[in-house]
Amino acid sequence: MKLAIHFQDADAFYEQLLDAHEGLSREDSELLNARLILLLANQVGDARTLRECIEAAREMPTPAAE
């Protein structure tokens, strides 16, 4: 599992992600996220890597509320 940033252009991806959510209801936004997660998981394909990614995401610190 790669933990270091491995994007060609992380900022551009983030902007695309934000743009994809623009104008969506909360429910539609959550559905978009779920579909995107499943599509990306299909690209990874390896069950062990996906499990490690889920565990790593759960362990990542949440930014403190301001």
N, C-alpha and C. Protein backbone atom coordinates (compact mmCIF):
# COMPACT_ATOMS: atom_id res chain seq x y z
N MET A 1 0.85 -1.17 0.00
CA MET A 1 0.00 0.00 0.00
C MET A 1 0.89 1.23 0.00
N LYS A 2 0.58 2.16 -0.88
CA LYS A 2 1.33 3.41 -0.96
C LYS A 2 0.72 4.44 0.00
N LEU A 3 1.52 5.00 0.88
CA LEU A 3 1.04 6.04 1.78
C LEU A 3 1.54 7.41 1.36
N ALA A 4 2.65 7.45 0.64
CA ALA A 4 3.16 8.73 0.14
C ALA A 4 2.28 9.18 -1.03
N ILE A 5 2.16 10.48 -1.21
CA ILE A 5 1.36 11.01 -2.32
C ILE A 5 1.92 10.48 -3.63
N HIS A 6 1.04 9.91 -4.43
CA HIS A 6 1.45 9.24 -5.66
C HIS A 6 0.68 9.80 -6.86
N PHE A 7 0.17 11.02 -6.74
CA PHE A 7 -0.60 11.66 -7.80
C PHE A 7 0.31 12.37 -8.79
N GLN A 8 -0.12 12.43 -10.04
CA GLN A 8 0.57 13.28 -11.00
C GLN A 8 0.26 14.74 -10.67
N ASP A 9 -1.00 15.02 -10.29
CA ASP A 9 -1.41 16.38 -9.95
C ASP A 9 -2.53 16.30 -8.91
N ALA A 10 -2.14 16.20 -7.64
CA ALA A 10 -3.11 16.02 -6.56
C ALA A 10 -4.09 17.19 -6.48
N ASP A 11 -3.59 18.41 -6.69
CA ASP A 11 -4.47 19.58 -6.61
C ASP A 11 -5.55 19.53 -7.69
N ALA A 12 -5.19 19.13 -8.90
CA ALA A 12 -6.16 19.04 -9.99
C ALA A 12 -7.22 17.98 -9.67
N PHE A 13 -6.78 16.84 -9.11
CA PHE A 13 -7.75 15.80 -8.74
C PHE A 13 -8.71 16.32 -7.69
N TYR A 14 -8.19 17.02 -6.68
CA TYR A 14 -9.04 17.55 -5.61
C TYR A 14 -10.06 18.53 -6.19
N GLU A 15 -9.64 19.38 -7.10
CA GLU A 15 -10.56 20.32 -7.74
C GLU A 15 -11.63 19.58 -8.54
N GLN A 16 -11.24 18.53 -9.26
CA GLN A 16 -12.21 17.73 -10.00
C GLN A 16 -13.23 17.10 -9.06
N LEU A 17 -12.74 16.62 -7.93
CA LEU A 17 -13.62 15.99 -6.94
C LEU A 17 -14.61 17.01 -6.38
N LEU A 18 -14.12 18.19 -6.03
CA LEU A 18 -15.01 19.24 -5.53
C LEU A 18 -16.03 19.64 -6.59
N ASP A 19 -15.58 19.79 -7.83
CA ASP A 19 -16.48 20.17 -8.92
C ASP A 19 -17.56 19.12 -9.14
N ALA A 20 -17.20 17.85 -8.99
CA ALA A 20 -18.18 16.78 -9.20
C ALA A 20 -19.30 16.83 -8.18
N HIS A 21 -19.03 17.39 -7.00
CA HIS A 21 -20.03 17.47 -5.93
C HIS A 21 -20.87 18.75 -6.00
N GLU A 22 -20.45 19.69 -6.81
CA GLU A 22 -21.14 20.98 -6.88
C GLU A 22 -22.59 20.80 -7.32
N GLY A 23 -23.50 21.39 -6.53
CA GLY A 23 -24.91 21.36 -6.86
C GLY A 23 -25.64 20.09 -6.45
N LEU A 24 -24.93 19.13 -5.86
CA LEU A 24 -25.57 17.89 -5.44
C LEU A 24 -26.14 18.03 -4.03
N SER A 25 -27.22 17.31 -3.78
CA SER A 25 -27.73 17.24 -2.42
C SER A 25 -26.75 16.41 -1.60
N ARG A 26 -26.89 16.45 -0.28
CA ARG A 26 -26.02 15.65 0.57
C ARG A 26 -26.13 14.17 0.21
N GLU A 27 -27.35 13.69 -0.01
CA GLU A 27 -27.56 12.29 -0.36
C GLU A 27 -26.88 11.94 -1.69
N ASP A 28 -27.05 12.79 -2.70
CA ASP A 28 -26.43 12.53 -4.00
C ASP A 28 -24.90 12.60 -3.90
N SER A 29 -24.40 13.50 -3.06
CA SER A 29 -22.96 13.61 -2.85
C SER A 29 -22.41 12.34 -2.21
N GLU A 30 -23.13 11.81 -1.23
CA GLU A 30 -22.71 10.56 -0.59
C GLU A 30 -22.75 9.39 -1.57
N LEU A 31 -23.75 9.37 -2.45
CA LEU A 31 -23.83 8.33 -3.46
C LEU A 31 -22.68 8.44 -4.46
N LEU A 32 -22.34 9.65 -4.83
CA LEU A 32 -21.19 9.87 -5.72
C LEU A 32 -19.92 9.33 -5.06
N ASN A 33 -19.72 9.65 -3.79
CA ASN A 33 -18.54 9.14 -3.07
C ASN A 33 -18.52 7.61 -3.04
N ALA A 34 -19.67 7.01 -2.78
CA ALA A 34 -19.73 5.55 -2.71
C ALA A 34 -19.41 4.94 -4.07
N ARG A 35 -19.97 5.50 -5.13
CA ARG A 35 -19.68 4.96 -6.47
C ARG A 35 -18.22 5.14 -6.82
N LEU A 36 -17.65 6.29 -6.48
CA LEU A 36 -16.24 6.55 -6.77
C LEU A 36 -15.35 5.57 -6.01
N ILE A 37 -15.66 5.34 -4.75
CA ILE A 37 -14.88 4.39 -3.95
C ILE A 37 -14.91 3.00 -4.58
N LEU A 38 -16.09 2.56 -5.02
CA LEU A 38 -16.19 1.24 -5.63
C LEU A 38 -15.43 1.17 -6.96
N LEU A 39 -15.49 2.22 -7.75
CA LEU A 39 -14.73 2.24 -9.01
C LEU A 39 -13.23 2.20 -8.76
N LEU A 40 -12.77 2.99 -7.80
CA LEU A 40 -11.34 2.99 -7.48
C LEU A 40 -10.90 1.67 -6.87
N ALA A 41 -11.73 1.09 -6.02
CA ALA A 41 -11.41 -0.21 -5.43
C ALA A 41 -11.30 -1.27 -6.52
N ASN A 42 -12.15 -1.17 -7.53
CA ASN A 42 -12.08 -2.11 -8.65
C ASN A 42 -10.75 -1.95 -9.40
N GLN A 43 -10.24 -0.74 -9.48
CA GLN A 43 -8.96 -0.50 -10.14
C GLN A 43 -7.82 -1.13 -9.34
N VAL A 44 -7.91 -1.06 -8.02
CA VAL A 44 -6.89 -1.67 -7.15
C VAL A 44 -6.99 -3.19 -7.25
N GLY A 45 -8.19 -3.69 -7.01
CA GLY A 45 -8.49 -5.10 -7.20
C GLY A 45 -8.00 -6.06 -6.12
N ASP A 46 -6.92 -5.79 -5.47
CA ASP A 46 -6.34 -6.71 -4.50
C ASP A 46 -7.02 -6.57 -3.14
N ALA A 47 -7.63 -7.64 -2.65
CA ALA A 47 -8.40 -7.60 -1.41
C ALA A 47 -7.52 -7.20 -0.22
N ARG A 48 -6.31 -7.70 -0.16
CA ARG A 48 -5.42 -7.37 0.96
C ARG A 48 -5.07 -5.88 0.96
N THR A 49 -4.76 -5.34 -0.19
CA THR A 49 -4.44 -3.92 -0.30
C THR A 49 -5.64 -3.07 0.09
N LEU A 50 -6.82 -3.47 -0.35
CA LEU A 50 -8.03 -2.72 0.00
C LEU A 50 -8.28 -2.75 1.50
N ARG A 51 -8.08 -3.91 2.13
CA ARG A 51 -8.25 -4.03 3.58
C ARG A 51 -7.25 -3.12 4.30
N GLU A 52 -6.00 -3.11 3.83
CA GLU A 52 -4.98 -2.25 4.44
C GLU A 52 -5.34 -0.77 4.28
N CYS A 53 -5.90 -0.41 3.14
CA CYS A 53 -6.32 0.98 2.91
C CYS A 53 -7.46 1.38 3.85
N ILE A 54 -8.41 0.48 4.03
CA ILE A 54 -9.53 0.76 4.95
C ILE A 54 -9.00 0.95 6.36
N GLU A 55 -8.12 0.06 6.79
CA GLU A 55 -7.54 0.17 8.14
C GLU A 55 -6.74 1.47 8.29
N ALA A 56 -5.95 1.81 7.29
CA ALA A 56 -5.15 3.04 7.34
C ALA A 56 -6.04 4.27 7.40
N ALA A 57 -7.12 4.27 6.63
CA ALA A 57 -8.04 5.42 6.63
C ALA A 57 -8.71 5.58 7.99
N ARG A 58 -9.05 4.48 8.63
CA ARG A 58 -9.67 4.56 9.97
C ARG A 58 -8.71 5.09 11.02
N GLU A 59 -7.41 4.81 10.83
CA GLU A 59 -6.41 5.20 11.82
C GLU A 59 -5.88 6.62 11.60
N MET A 60 -6.16 7.22 10.45
CA MET A 60 -5.65 8.57 10.18
C MET A 60 -6.28 9.56 11.16
N PRO A 61 -5.49 10.49 11.66
CA PRO A 61 -6.04 11.46 12.60
C PRO A 61 -7.03 12.40 11.91
N THR A 62 -8.05 12.76 12.66
CA THR A 62 -9.03 13.73 12.17
C THR A 62 -8.58 15.11 12.61
N PRO A 63 -8.58 16.08 11.68
CA PRO A 63 -8.18 17.44 12.09
C PRO A 63 -9.07 17.96 13.21
N ALA A 64 -8.49 18.67 14.12
CA ALA A 64 -9.24 19.24 15.25
C ALA A 64 -10.23 20.29 14.74
N ALA A 65 -11.39 20.31 15.33
CA ALA A 65 -12.40 21.32 14.96
C ALA A 65 -11.90 22.69 15.39
N GLU A 66 -12.16 23.66 14.54
CA GLU A 66 -11.72 25.04 14.86
C GLU A 66 -12.84 25.84 15.45
